C-alpha atoms as a PDB file:
ATOM      1  CA  MET A   1     -48.177 128.872  51.673  1.00  0.00           C
ATOM      2  CA  THR A   2     -51.255 130.041  49.474  1.00  0.00           C
ATOM      3  CA  ASN A   3     -51.723 133.574  48.481  1.00  0.00           C
ATOM      4  CA  GLU A   4     -54.831 133.547  50.935  1.00  0.00           C
ATOM      5  CA  ASN A   5     -52.694 132.341  53.759  1.00  0.00           C
ATOM      6  CA  ARG A   6     -50.061 135.207  53.077  1.00  0.00           C
ATOM      7  CA  ASN A   7     -52.875 137.810  52.903  1.00  0.00           C
ATOM      8  CA  ARG A   8     -54.342 136.526  56.230  1.00  0.00           C
ATOM      9  CA  ALA A   9     -50.836 136.411  58.018  1.00  0.00           C
ATOM     10  CA  GLY A  10     -50.084 139.938  56.566  1.00  0.00           C
ATOM     11  CA  ARG A  11     -53.457 141.449  57.832  1.00  0.00           C
ATOM     12  CA  ARG A  12     -53.060 139.794  61.247  1.00  0.00           C
ATOM     13  CA  ARG A  13     -49.585 141.421  61.576  1.00  0.00           C
ATOM     14  CA  ILE A  14     -51.090 144.772  60.714  1.00  0.00           C
ATOM     15  CA  LEU A  15     -53.770 144.143  63.054  1.00  0.00           C
ATOM     16  CA  ILE A  16     -52.013 143.330  66.089  1.00  0.00           C
ATOM     17  CA  GLY A  17     -48.576 144.770  65.470  1.00  0.00           C
ATOM     18  CA  LEU A  18     -46.773 141.660  66.748  1.00  0.00           C
ATOM     19  CA  GLY A  19     -44.301 139.123  65.635  1.00  0.00           C
ATOM     20  CA  THR A  20     -44.797 135.706  66.729  1.00  0.00           C
ATOM     21  CA  VAL A  21     -47.233 134.727  69.457  1.00  0.00           C
ATOM     22  CA  ALA A  22     -45.443 131.558  70.318  1.00  0.00           C
ATOM     23  CA  ALA A  23     -43.185 132.943  72.695  1.00  0.00           C
ATOM     24  CA  VAL A  24     -46.006 134.804  74.510  1.00  0.00           C
ATOM     25  CA  THR A  25     -48.182 131.741  74.917  1.00  0.00           C
ATOM     26  CA  GLY A  26     -45.828 128.870  75.227  1.00  0.00           C
ATOM     27  CA  LEU A  27     -46.003 127.626  78.847  1.00  0.00           C
ATOM     28  CA  GLY A  28     -44.317 124.972  80.623  1.00  0.00           C
ATOM     29  CA  GLY A  29     -45.812 121.759  82.215  1.00  0.00           C
ATOM     30  CA  ALA A  30     -44.817 122.886  85.785  1.00  0.00           C
ATOM     31  CA  LEU A  31     -46.722 126.252  85.468  1.00  0.00           C
ATOM     32  CA  TRP A  32     -49.832 124.238  84.131  1.00  0.00           C
ATOM     33  CA  MET A  33     -49.667 121.964  87.279  1.00  0.00           C
ATOM     34  CA  ARG A  34     -49.413 125.264  89.526  1.00  0.00           C
ATOM     35  CA  ARG A  35     -52.535 126.739  87.804  1.00  0.00           C
ATOM     36  CA  ALA A  36     -54.429 123.472  88.190  1.00  0.00           C
ATOM     37  CA  THR A  37     -54.104 123.473  91.893  1.00  0.00           C
ATOM     38  CA  ALA A  38     -54.534 127.452  92.513  1.00  0.00           C
ATOM     39  CA  GLU A  39     -57.933 128.853  93.439  1.00  0.00           C
ATOM     40  CA  ARG A  40     -60.183 128.887  90.395  1.00  0.00           C
ATOM     41  CA  ASP A  41     -62.495 131.551  88.691  1.00  0.00           C
ATOM     42  CA  ARG A  42     -65.797 131.195  87.239  1.00  0.00           C
ATOM     43  CA  LEU A  43     -67.441 133.202  84.497  1.00  0.00           C
ATOM     44  CA  VAL A  44     -71.016 132.849  83.083  1.00  0.00           C
ATOM     45  CA  VAL A  45     -70.688 133.493  79.196  1.00  0.00           C
ATOM     46  CA  ALA A  46     -73.562 134.195  76.984  1.00  0.00           C
ATOM     47  CA  ASP A  47     -72.866 132.765  73.631  1.00  0.00           C
ATOM     48  CA  GLY A  48     -74.561 133.750  70.302  1.00  0.00           C
ATOM     49  CA  ARG A  49     -73.040 130.639  68.392  1.00  0.00           C
ATOM     50  CA  GLN A  50     -71.202 132.530  65.708  1.00  0.00           C
ATOM     51  CA  VAL A  51     -68.021 131.456  63.900  1.00  0.00           C
ATOM     52  CA  SER A  52     -66.781 134.982  64.885  1.00  0.00           C
ATOM     53  CA  SER A  53     -66.536 133.503  68.431  1.00  0.00           C
ATOM     54  CA  ALA A  54     -64.010 130.880  67.101  1.00  0.00           C
ATOM     55  CA  LEU A  55     -61.156 131.588  69.471  1.00  0.00           C
ATOM     56  CA  PHE A  56     -63.392 131.190  72.505  1.00  0.00           C
ATOM     57  CA  TYR A  57     -64.681 128.027  71.191  1.00  0.00           C
ATOM     58  CA  ILE A  58     -61.345 126.759  70.518  1.00  0.00           C
ATOM     59  CA  ALA A  59     -60.026 127.489  74.144  1.00  0.00           C
ATOM     60  CA  LEU A  60     -63.337 126.021  75.660  1.00  0.00           C
ATOM     61  CA  THR A  61     -63.238 122.671  73.749  1.00  0.00           C
ATOM     62  CA  ASN A  62     -59.388 122.186  74.029  1.00  0.00           C
ATOM     63  CA  GLY A  63     -59.560 122.791  77.959  1.00  0.00           C
ATOM     64  CA  TYR A  64     -57.311 126.021  77.764  1.00  0.00           C
ATOM     65  CA  PHE A  65     -59.627 127.974  79.999  1.00  0.00           C
ATOM     66  CA  ALA A  66     -59.727 125.112  82.581  1.00  0.00           C
ATOM     67  CA  GLU A  67     -56.055 124.637  82.573  1.00  0.00           C
ATOM     68  CA  GLU A  68     -55.729 128.292  83.138  1.00  0.00           C
ATOM     69  CA  GLY A  69     -58.128 128.076  86.511  1.00  0.00           C
ATOM     70  CA  LEU A  70     -61.117 129.442  84.582  1.00  0.00           C
ATOM     71  CA  ASP A  71     -64.399 127.494  84.649  1.00  0.00           C
ATOM     72  CA  ILE A  72     -66.988 128.654  82.149  1.00  0.00           C
ATOM     73  CA  ASP A  73     -70.690 128.503  82.640  1.00  0.00           C
ATOM     74  CA  LEU A  74     -72.200 128.655  79.076  1.00  0.00           C
ATOM     75  CA  GLN A  75     -75.500 130.148  77.823  1.00  0.00           C
ATOM     76  CA  SER A  76     -76.572 129.375  74.262  1.00  0.00           C
ATOM     77  CA  HIS A  77     -78.409 132.163  72.609  1.00  0.00           C
ATOM     78  CA  SER A  78     -79.781 132.305  68.854  1.00  0.00           C
ATOM     79  CA  PHE A  79     -77.319 135.045  67.875  1.00  0.00           C
ATOM     80  CA  SER A  80     -75.085 137.577  69.254  1.00  0.00           C
ATOM     81  CA  ARG A  81     -77.655 140.528  70.039  1.00  0.00           C
ATOM     82  CA  ARG A  82     -79.534 137.928  72.269  1.00  0.00           C
ATOM     83  CA  ALA A  83     -76.407 137.248  74.008  1.00  0.00           C
ATOM     84  CA  MET A  84     -75.734 140.926  74.738  1.00  0.00           C
ATOM     85  CA  GLU A  85     -79.348 141.212  76.001  1.00  0.00           C
ATOM     86  CA  ALA A  86     -78.443 138.657  78.523  1.00  0.00           C
ATOM     87  CA  LEU A  87     -75.572 140.394  79.761  1.00  0.00           C
ATOM     88  CA  MET A  88     -77.439 143.662  80.098  1.00  0.00           C
ATOM     89  CA  GLU A  89     -80.136 141.864  82.016  1.00  0.00           C
ATOM     90  CA  GLY A  90     -77.320 140.738  84.455  1.00  0.00           C
ATOM     91  CA  LYS A  91     -77.855 136.961  83.456  1.00  0.00           C
ATOM     92  CA  ALA A  92     -74.220 136.742  82.171  1.00  0.00           C
ATOM     93  CA  ASP A  93     -70.727 138.209  83.028  1.00  0.00           C
ATOM     94  CA  LEU A  94     -69.562 138.197  79.420  1.00  0.00           C
ATOM     95  CA  ALA A  95     -70.884 138.157  75.954  1.00  0.00           C
ATOM     96  CA  MET A  96     -69.251 138.271  72.599  1.00  0.00           C
ATOM     97  CA  SER A  97     -70.528 140.519  69.742  1.00  0.00           C
ATOM     98  CA  SER A  98     -69.901 142.872  67.039  1.00  0.00           C
ATOM     99  CA  GLU A  99     -69.714 146.645  67.890  1.00  0.00           C
ATOM    100  CA  VAL A 100     -73.202 147.393  66.881  1.00  0.00           C
ATOM    101  CA  PRO A 101     -75.041 145.741  69.764  1.00  0.00           C
ATOM    102  CA  ILE A 102     -72.445 147.052  72.165  1.00  0.00           C
ATOM    103  CA  MET A 103     -73.001 150.446  71.038  1.00  0.00           C
ATOM    104  CA  HIS A 104     -76.703 150.220  71.597  1.00  0.00           C
ATOM    105  CA  ALA A 105     -76.194 148.727  75.141  1.00  0.00           C
ATOM    106  CA  LEU A 106     -74.064 151.706  76.058  1.00  0.00           C
ATOM    107  CA  ALA A 107     -76.498 154.278  74.670  1.00  0.00           C
ATOM    108  CA  ASP A 108     -79.157 152.495  76.715  1.00  0.00           C
ATOM    109  CA  GLY A 109     -77.259 153.222  79.809  1.00  0.00           C
ATOM    110  CA  HIS A 110     -75.821 149.910  80.656  1.00  0.00           C
ATOM    111  CA  ALA A 111     -72.374 149.696  82.330  1.00  0.00           C
ATOM    112  CA  LEU A 112     -70.284 147.703  80.158  1.00  0.00           C
ATOM    113  CA  LYS A 113     -66.558 147.327  79.280  1.00  0.00           C
ATOM    114  CA  VAL A 114     -64.875 145.883  76.231  1.00  0.00           C
ATOM    115  CA  VAL A 115     -61.880 143.977  77.326  1.00  0.00           C
ATOM    116  CA  ALA A 116     -60.676 142.350  73.773  1.00  0.00           C
ATOM    117  CA  ASN A 117     -61.276 142.059  70.184  1.00  0.00           C
ATOM    118  CA  ILE A 118     -61.039 138.424  68.923  1.00  0.00           C
ATOM    119  CA  GLN A 119     -61.901 138.550  65.289  1.00  0.00           C
ATOM    120  CA  THR A 120     -61.924 140.920  62.324  1.00  0.00           C
ATOM    121  CA  SER A 121     -63.727 140.462  59.072  1.00  0.00           C
ATOM    122  CA  ASP A 122     -64.451 142.477  55.899  1.00  0.00           C
ATOM    123  CA  ARG A 123     -66.407 139.532  54.346  1.00  0.00           C
ATOM    124  CA  ASP A 124     -68.944 138.339  57.266  1.00  0.00           C
ATOM    125  CA  MET A 125     -71.478 140.884  56.175  1.00  0.00           C
ATOM    126  CA  ALA A 126     -73.135 140.854  52.912  1.00  0.00           C
ATOM    127  CA  ILE A 127     -76.517 141.051  50.833  1.00  0.00           C
ATOM    128  CA  LEU A 128     -78.147 137.953  50.035  1.00  0.00           C
ATOM    129  CA  ALA A 129     -80.695 138.405  47.459  1.00  0.00           C
ATOM    130  CA  ARG A 130     -83.227 136.275  45.223  1.00  0.00           C
ATOM    131  CA  ARG A 131     -82.202 136.027  41.480  1.00  0.00           C
ATOM    132  CA  ASP A 132     -85.776 135.709  40.551  1.00  0.00           C
ATOM    133  CA  ARG A 133     -86.383 139.312  41.561  1.00  0.00           C
ATOM    134  CA  GLY A 134     -83.927 140.306  38.703  1.00  0.00           C
ATOM    135  CA  ILE A 135     -81.072 140.878  41.246  1.00  0.00           C
ATOM    136  CA  SER A 136     -77.716 139.789  40.212  1.00  0.00           C
ATOM    137  CA  GLY A 137     -75.544 142.871  41.429  1.00  0.00           C
ATOM    138  CA  ALA A 138     -75.743 145.983  43.612  1.00  0.00           C
ATOM    139  CA  ASP A 139     -77.241 148.235  40.925  1.00  0.00           C
ATOM    140  CA  ASP A 140     -80.149 145.689  40.640  1.00  0.00           C
ATOM    141  CA  LEU A 141     -81.177 146.386  44.340  1.00  0.00           C
ATOM    142  CA  ALA A 142     -82.879 149.910  43.267  1.00  0.00           C
ATOM    143  CA  GLY A 143     -86.669 149.931  43.930  1.00  0.00           C
ATOM    144  CA  LYS A 144     -86.426 146.604  45.896  1.00  0.00           C
ATOM    145  CA  THR A 145     -87.144 145.549  49.614  1.00  0.00           C
ATOM    146  CA  VAL A 146     -84.075 144.661  51.703  1.00  0.00           C
ATOM    147  CA  GLY A 147     -84.652 143.364  55.309  1.00  0.00           C
ATOM    148  CA  TYR A 148     -82.346 143.416  58.339  1.00  0.00           C
ATOM    149  CA  ILE A 149     -82.148 142.910  62.056  1.00  0.00           C
ATOM    150  CA  ALA A 150     -82.332 146.222  63.774  1.00  0.00           C
ATOM    151  CA  ARG A 151     -79.512 147.070  66.429  1.00  0.00           C
ATOM    152  CA  THR A 152     -77.366 144.724  64.643  1.00  0.00           C
ATOM    153  CA  ASN A 153     -74.411 145.190  62.125  1.00  0.00           C
ATOM    154  CA  GLY A 154     -76.836 144.056  59.393  1.00  0.00           C
ATOM    155  CA  HIS A 155     -78.429 147.648  59.641  1.00  0.00           C
ATOM    156  CA  VAL A 156     -75.063 149.361  59.611  1.00  0.00           C
ATOM    157  CA  PHE A 157     -73.778 147.506  56.871  1.00  0.00           C
ATOM    158  CA  LEU A 158     -76.885 147.951  54.674  1.00  0.00           C
ATOM    159  CA  ASP A 159     -76.557 151.589  55.373  1.00  0.00           C
ATOM    160  CA  LEU A 160     -72.949 151.725  54.417  1.00  0.00           C
ATOM    161  CA  PHE A 161     -73.559 149.624  51.320  1.00  0.00           C
ATOM    162  CA  LEU A 162     -76.311 151.639  50.048  1.00  0.00           C
ATOM    163  CA  ALA A 163     -74.223 154.778  50.293  1.00  0.00           C
ATOM    164  CA  ALA A 164     -71.311 153.224  48.724  1.00  0.00           C
ATOM    165  CA  HIS A 165     -73.313 152.242  45.684  1.00  0.00           C
ATOM    166  CA  GLY A 166     -75.388 155.550  45.283  1.00  0.00           C
ATOM    167  CA  LEU A 167     -78.538 153.806  46.427  1.00  0.00           C
ATOM    168  CA  THR A 168     -79.538 155.635  49.494  1.00  0.00           C
ATOM    169  CA  GLY A 169     -83.272 156.512  49.244  1.00  0.00           C
ATOM    170  CA  LEU A 170     -83.525 154.157  46.251  1.00  0.00           C
ATOM    171  CA  VAL A 171     -84.237 150.889  48.346  1.00  0.00           C
ATOM    172  CA  THR A 172     -86.788 150.153  50.927  1.00  0.00           C
ATOM    173  CA  ALA A 173     -85.053 148.967  54.085  1.00  0.00           C
ATOM    174  CA  VAL A 174     -87.205 147.054  56.488  1.00  0.00           C
ATOM    175  CA  ALA A 175     -86.511 146.015  60.066  1.00  0.00           C
ATOM    176  CA  VAL A 176     -87.377 142.504  60.657  1.00  0.00           C
ATOM    177  CA  LYS A 177     -87.794 140.369  63.609  1.00  0.00           C
ATOM    178  CA  PRO A 178     -84.756 138.058  63.842  1.00  0.00           C
ATOM    179  CA  GLU A 179     -86.972 134.988  63.740  1.00  0.00           C
ATOM    180  CA  ASP A 180     -88.740 136.135  60.812  1.00  0.00           C
ATOM    181  CA  LEU A 181     -85.840 137.386  58.442  1.00  0.00           C
ATOM    182  CA  VAL A 182     -85.004 134.153  56.495  1.00  0.00           C
ATOM    183  CA  ALA A 183     -88.840 132.999  56.409  1.00  0.00           C
ATOM    184  CA  ARG A 184     -89.792 136.275  54.675  1.00  0.00           C
ATOM    185  CA  LEU A 185     -87.043 136.102  52.312  1.00  0.00           C
ATOM    186  CA  VAL A 186     -88.176 132.555  51.436  1.00  0.00           C
ATOM    187  CA  ALA A 187     -91.849 133.724  51.419  1.00  0.00           C
ATOM    188  CA  GLY A 188     -91.116 136.538  48.943  1.00  0.00           C
ATOM    189  CA  THR A 189     -91.994 139.549  51.002  1.00  0.00           C
ATOM    190  CA  LEU A 190     -88.359 140.475  50.935  1.00  0.00           C
ATOM    191  CA  ASP A 191     -86.270 140.664  47.821  1.00  0.00           C
ATOM    192  CA  ALA A 192     -82.955 140.569  49.760  1.00  0.00           C
ATOM    193  CA  VAL A 193     -81.481 140.576  53.315  1.00  0.00           C
ATOM    194  CA  SER A 194     -78.403 142.330  54.804  1.00  0.00           C
ATOM    195  CA  SER A 195     -76.823 139.902  57.337  1.00  0.00           C
ATOM    196  CA  TRP A 196     -73.960 137.829  58.606  1.00  0.00           C
ATOM    197  CA  THR A 197     -72.780 134.553  57.295  1.00  0.00           C
ATOM    198  CA  ALA A 198     -74.720 132.139  59.625  1.00  0.00           C
ATOM    199  CA  ILE A 199     -78.086 133.659  58.586  1.00  0.00           C
ATOM    200  CA  ARG A 200     -77.297 133.571  54.934  1.00  0.00           C
ATOM    201  CA  LEU A 201     -76.248 129.844  55.180  1.00  0.00           C
ATOM    202  CA  ALA A 202     -79.503 129.177  56.812  1.00  0.00           C
ATOM    203  CA  ALA A 203     -81.514 130.910  53.869  1.00  0.00           C
ATOM    204  CA  VAL A 204     -79.507 129.518  50.877  1.00  0.00           C
ATOM    205  CA  PRO A 205     -80.799 126.091  50.969  1.00  0.00           C
ATOM    206  CA  LYS A 206     -84.412 127.045  51.189  1.00  0.00           C
ATOM    207  CA  LEU A 207     -84.218 129.175  47.936  1.00  0.00           C
ATOM    208  CA  ALA A 208     -83.909 128.145  44.336  1.00  0.00           C
ATOM    209  CA  ASP A 209     -81.432 130.780  43.144  1.00  0.00           C
ATOM    210  CA  THR A 210     -79.683 133.169  45.114  1.00  0.00           C
ATOM    211  CA  VAL A 211     -76.766 135.855  44.723  1.00  0.00           C
ATOM    212  CA  THR A 212     -74.403 137.033  47.498  1.00  0.00           C
ATOM    213  CA  ILE A 213     -73.319 140.473  47.171  1.00  0.00           C
ATOM    214  CA  THR A 214     -70.256 141.440  49.115  1.00  0.00           C
ATOM    215  CA  ALA A 215     -68.394 144.819  49.669  1.00  0.00           C
ATOM    216  CA  PRO A 216     -65.126 144.252  51.454  1.00  0.00           C
ATOM    217  CA  THR A 217     -64.256 147.851  51.343  1.00  0.00           C
ATOM    218  CA  VAL A 218     -67.525 149.253  53.020  1.00  0.00           C
ATOM    219  CA  TYR A 219     -67.402 147.758  56.540  1.00  0.00           C
ATOM    220  CA  ILE A 220     -64.794 145.942  58.774  1.00  0.00           C
ATOM    221  CA  GLU A 221     -66.500 143.927  61.372  1.00  0.00           C
ATOM    222  CA  CYS A 222     -64.851 143.905  64.869  1.00  0.00           C
ATOM    223  CA  TRP A 223     -65.832 141.035  67.315  1.00  0.00           C
ATOM    224  CA  GLY A 224     -65.639 142.258  70.834  1.00  0.00           C
ATOM    225  CA  VAL A 225     -65.599 140.563  74.352  1.00  0.00           C
ATOM    226  CA  ALA A 226     -67.885 142.668  76.503  1.00  0.00           C
ATOM    227  CA  VAL A 227     -68.162 142.258  80.215  1.00  0.00           C
ATOM    228  CA  THR A 228     -70.204 144.093  83.016  1.00  0.00           C
ATOM    229  CA  THR A 229     -68.405 146.970  84.673  1.00  0.00           C
ATOM    230  CA  THR A 230     -68.386 144.848  87.815  1.00  0.00           C
ATOM    231  CA  VAL A 231     -66.615 141.980  86.200  1.00  0.00           C
ATOM    232  CA  ALA A 232     -64.084 144.158  84.881  1.00  0.00           C
ATOM    233  CA  LEU A 233     -63.438 145.813  88.242  1.00  0.00           C
ATOM    234  CA  ARG A 234     -63.723 143.028  90.555  1.00  0.00           C
ATOM    235  CA  HIS A 235     -62.683 139.946  88.610  1.00  0.00           C
ATOM    236  CA  ARG A 236     -59.281 141.009  87.087  1.00  0.00           C
ATOM    237  CA  ARG A 237     -57.779 137.754  87.539  1.00  0.00           C
ATOM    238  CA  ALA A 238     -60.437 135.752  85.803  1.00  0.00           C
ATOM    239  CA  LEU A 239     -60.127 138.239  82.798  1.00  0.00           C
ATOM    240  CA  GLU A 240     -56.417 137.592  82.724  1.00  0.00           C
ATOM    241  CA  ARG A 241     -57.076 133.830  82.656  1.00  0.00           C
ATOM    242  CA  LEU A 242     -59.521 134.353  79.873  1.00  0.00           C
ATOM    243  CA  MET A 243     -57.168 136.159  77.820  1.00  0.00           C
ATOM    244  CA  ARG A 244     -54.495 133.502  78.324  1.00  0.00           C
ATOM    245  CA  GLY A 245     -56.739 130.901  76.984  1.00  0.00           C
ATOM    246  CA  LEU A 246     -57.742 133.071  73.978  1.00  0.00           C
ATOM    247  CA  LEU A 247     -54.038 133.611  72.977  1.00  0.00           C
ATOM    248  CA  ARG A 248     -53.427 129.958  73.262  1.00  0.00           C
ATOM    249  CA  ALA A 249     -56.445 129.362  70.979  1.00  0.00           C
ATOM    250  CA  GLU A 250     -55.069 132.208  68.410  1.00  0.00           C
ATOM    251  CA  ARG A 251     -51.928 130.207  68.497  1.00  0.00           C
ATOM    252  CA  LEU A 252     -53.683 126.934  67.758  1.00  0.00           C
ATOM    253  CA  ALA A 253     -55.731 128.513  64.982  1.00  0.00           C
ATOM    254  CA  ALA A 254     -52.545 129.793  63.174  1.00  0.00           C
ATOM    255  CA  GLU A 255     -50.407 126.865  63.786  1.00  0.00           C
ATOM    256  CA  GLU A 256     -53.088 124.040  63.387  1.00  0.00           C
ATOM    257  CA  PRO A 257     -55.980 125.260  61.388  1.00  0.00           C
ATOM    258  CA  ALA A 258     -57.452 121.875  60.767  1.00  0.00           C
ATOM    259  CA  ARG A 259     -57.570 121.182  64.453  1.00  0.00           C
ATOM    260  CA  ALA A 260     -58.991 124.477  65.295  1.00  0.00           C
ATOM    261  CA  ILE A 261     -61.702 124.165  62.569  1.00  0.00           C
ATOM    262  CA  ALA A 262     -62.560 120.654  64.104  1.00  0.00           C
ATOM    263  CA  SER A 263     -62.984 122.491  67.546  1.00  0.00           C
ATOM    264  CA  VAL A 264     -65.502 125.040  66.132  1.00  0.00           C
ATOM    265  CA  ALA A 265     -67.341 122.480  64.070  1.00  0.00           C
ATOM    266  CA  THR A 266     -67.767 120.363  67.227  1.00  0.00           C
ATOM    267  CA  HIS A 267     -69.009 123.314  69.401  1.00  0.00           C
ATOM    268  CA  LEU A 268     -71.413 124.581  66.837  1.00  0.00           C
ATOM    269  CA  GLY A 269     -72.687 121.161  65.752  1.00  0.00           C
ATOM    270  CA  GLN A 270     -71.728 121.976  62.156  1.00  0.00           C
ATOM    271  CA  SER A 271     -69.626 120.038  59.559  1.00  0.00           C
ATOM    272  CA  ARG A 272     -65.995 120.520  59.401  1.00  0.00           C
ATOM    273  CA  ASP A 273     -66.105 121.373  55.612  1.00  0.00           C
ATOM    274  CA  ASP A 274     -68.740 124.131  56.116  1.00  0.00           C
ATOM    275  CA  ILE A 275     -66.457 125.692  58.666  1.00  0.00           C
ATOM    276  CA  ALA A 276     -63.368 125.392  56.603  1.00  0.00           C
ATOM    277  CA  THR A 277     -65.133 127.016  53.712  1.00  0.00           C
ATOM    278  CA  LEU A 278     -65.746 129.918  55.822  1.00  0.00           C
ATOM    279  CA  TRP A 279     -62.455 129.960  57.627  1.00  0.00           C
ATOM    280  CA  PRO A 280     -60.480 132.186  55.188  1.00  0.00           C
ATOM    281  CA  GLN A 281     -62.962 135.120  55.583  1.00  0.00           C
ATOM    282  CA  TYR A 282     -61.943 135.555  59.224  1.00  0.00           C
ATOM    283  CA  ASP A 283     -58.891 137.186  60.943  1.00  0.00           C
ATOM    284  CA  PHE A 284     -58.700 135.503  64.324  1.00  0.00           C
ATOM    285  CA  ALA A 285     -56.436 137.494  66.714  1.00  0.00           C
ATOM    286  CA  VAL A 286     -56.631 138.892  70.303  1.00  0.00           C
ATOM    287  CA  TYR A 287     -56.040 142.596  70.574  1.00  0.00           C
ATOM    288  CA  LEU A 288     -57.391 145.933  71.172  1.00  0.00           C
ATOM    289  CA  SER A 289     -56.658 148.618  68.565  1.00  0.00           C
ATOM    290  CA  GLN A 290     -58.297 152.102  67.317  1.00  0.00           C
ATOM    291  CA  THR A 291     -60.270 150.275  64.819  1.00  0.00           C
ATOM    292  CA  PHE A 292     -62.855 148.931  67.551  1.00  0.00           C
ATOM    293  CA  LEU A 293     -63.277 152.552  68.765  1.00  0.00           C
ATOM    294  CA  LEU A 294     -63.780 153.983  65.333  1.00  0.00           C
ATOM    295  CA  ASN A 295     -66.287 151.259  64.469  1.00  0.00           C
ATOM    296  CA  LEU A 296     -68.363 152.100  67.631  1.00  0.00           C
ATOM    297  CA  GLU A 297     -68.288 155.865  66.692  1.00  0.00           C
ATOM    298  CA  ASN A 298     -69.371 154.959  62.981  1.00  0.00           C
ATOM    299  CA  ALA A 299     -72.072 152.735  64.169  1.00  0.00           C
ATOM    300  CA  ALA A 300     -73.512 155.465  66.378  1.00  0.00           C
ATOM    301  CA  ARG A 301     -73.543 157.715  63.373  1.00  0.00           C
ATOM    302  CA  SER A 302     -75.061 155.096  61.061  1.00  0.00           C
ATOM    303  CA  GLU A 303     -77.829 154.128  63.502  1.00  0.00           C
ATOM    304  CA  ARG A 304     -78.590 157.950  63.904  1.00  0.00           C
ATOM    305  CA  ARG A 305     -79.040 157.925  67.722  1.00  0.00           C
ATOM    306  CA  ALA A 306     -78.869 161.341  69.154  1.00  0.00           C
ATOM    307  CA  ASP A 307     -77.917 159.957  72.650  1.00  0.00           C
ATOM    308  CA  ALA A 308     -75.214 158.011  71.135  1.00  0.00           C
ATOM    309  CA  ASP A 309     -73.513 160.570  68.978  1.00  0.00           C
ATOM    310  CA  PRO A 310     -69.683 160.532  69.290  1.00  0.00           C
ATOM    311  CA  SER A 311     -69.709 164.266  70.046  1.00  0.00           C
ATOM    312  CA  LYS A 312     -71.792 163.475  73.201  1.00  0.00           C
ATOM    313  CA  VAL A 313     -70.155 160.037  74.329  1.00  0.00           C
ATOM    314  CA  ASP A 314     -66.483 159.408  74.665  1.00  0.00           C
ATOM    315  CA  TYR A 315     -66.306 155.768  73.499  1.00  0.00           C
ATOM    316  CA  SER A 316     -62.795 155.455  74.290  1.00  0.00           C
ATOM    317  CA  ARG A 317     -63.818 155.109  77.922  1.00  0.00           C
ATOM    318  CA  VAL A 318     -65.776 151.876  77.079  1.00  0.00           C
ATOM    319  CA  PHE A 319     -62.366 149.889  76.741  1.00  0.00           C
ATOM    320  CA  ASP A 320     -60.774 148.250  79.827  1.00  0.00           C
ATOM    321  CA  THR A 321     -57.130 147.238  78.684  1.00  0.00           C
ATOM    322  CA  ALA A 322     -56.091 146.169  82.098  1.00  0.00           C
ATOM    323  CA  ALA A 323     -56.339 142.356  81.633  1.00  0.00           C
ATOM    324  CA  LEU A 324     -54.955 142.143  78.166  1.00  0.00           C
ATOM    325  CA  ARG A 325     -52.097 144.553  79.094  1.00  0.00           C
ATOM    326  CA  SER A 326     -51.178 142.338  81.988  1.00  0.00           C
ATOM    327  CA  VAL A 327     -50.884 139.252  79.777  1.00  0.00           C
ATOM    328  CA  ASP A 328     -49.237 140.999  76.814  1.00  0.00           C
ATOM    329  CA  ALA A 329     -49.191 144.751  76.608  1.00  0.00           C
ATOM    330  CA  ARG A 330     -48.052 144.643  72.878  1.00  0.00           C
ATOM    331  CA  ARG A 331     -51.525 143.457  72.190  1.00  0.00           C
ATOM    332  CA  VAL A 332     -52.977 146.819  72.963  1.00  0.00           C
ATOM    333  CA  SER A 333     -52.459 149.701  70.703  1.00  0.00           C
ATOM    334  CA  LEU A 334     -55.732 151.695  71.530  1.00  0.00           C
ATOM    335  CA  VAL A 335     -55.382 155.186  72.429  1.00  0.00           C
ATOM    336  CA  GLN A 336     -57.436 156.268  75.148  1.00  0.00           C
END
């Protein structure tokens, strides 16, 4: 086992506080047959097409949800904030996103519940900068213009990054429309962007020379599964089936990473080599812990929304742990 694999395994044990998942998710053929003939459930899922949602893609492409009695109607969106907007508009039952769009949805008054966290990363977010603007490290960003997409973790990460490097007030931070972020960096009206991996990968081939500036200690991304309150209250069985499918996907990702990577690459229409290169920066595990709650609170502070301030909003009530507890109570360490 490589050092990277040991580190990832250690982080996963810390995050979910479990031993092996094999005993939890291993199910016999007879049980599969009973589920196949049982009454089925259906969920409409808004998908933002991010590697962060890998466990969902693995479960979907390998038929785990179907075998559990859950049918998925999939909507594809350009990124996770758009998927969350579909959920808020009542066009979907479920969406996957970082904590920042979820926080904004809650502050806007939408009735949502977070039922699981399925990915954690301290390296998905970074600054991508143009070297021809004299940027080779964090200190070189002083006096430069950095773009971000509003109401996403691109903004929260930038805020925390600048504070950590003593650059608050020394950088011009500009909110940019999602469809314009890469184009403006390429055109040169931005010196750098703060964003997640997928956007940076789209930008790099279009630029002659770039530098990616990471800050692993600044921000830990939590990737949540959010549903409408109606789904949480009325479709418990569907959510339990969802959890079982995700847990099977987690097991496959841990035991057969090549097969898991192939599943994600197939779903996203990307090369296996590209997904394999990104794979080590993510920790894929199904759980609910205090980390997600703290991230919601920190996001509210960073976004400076008075109506979302943790002193006024009890974010612990956002979580619905019932489905995950029913499937495996050890996966829930959140204090509510």
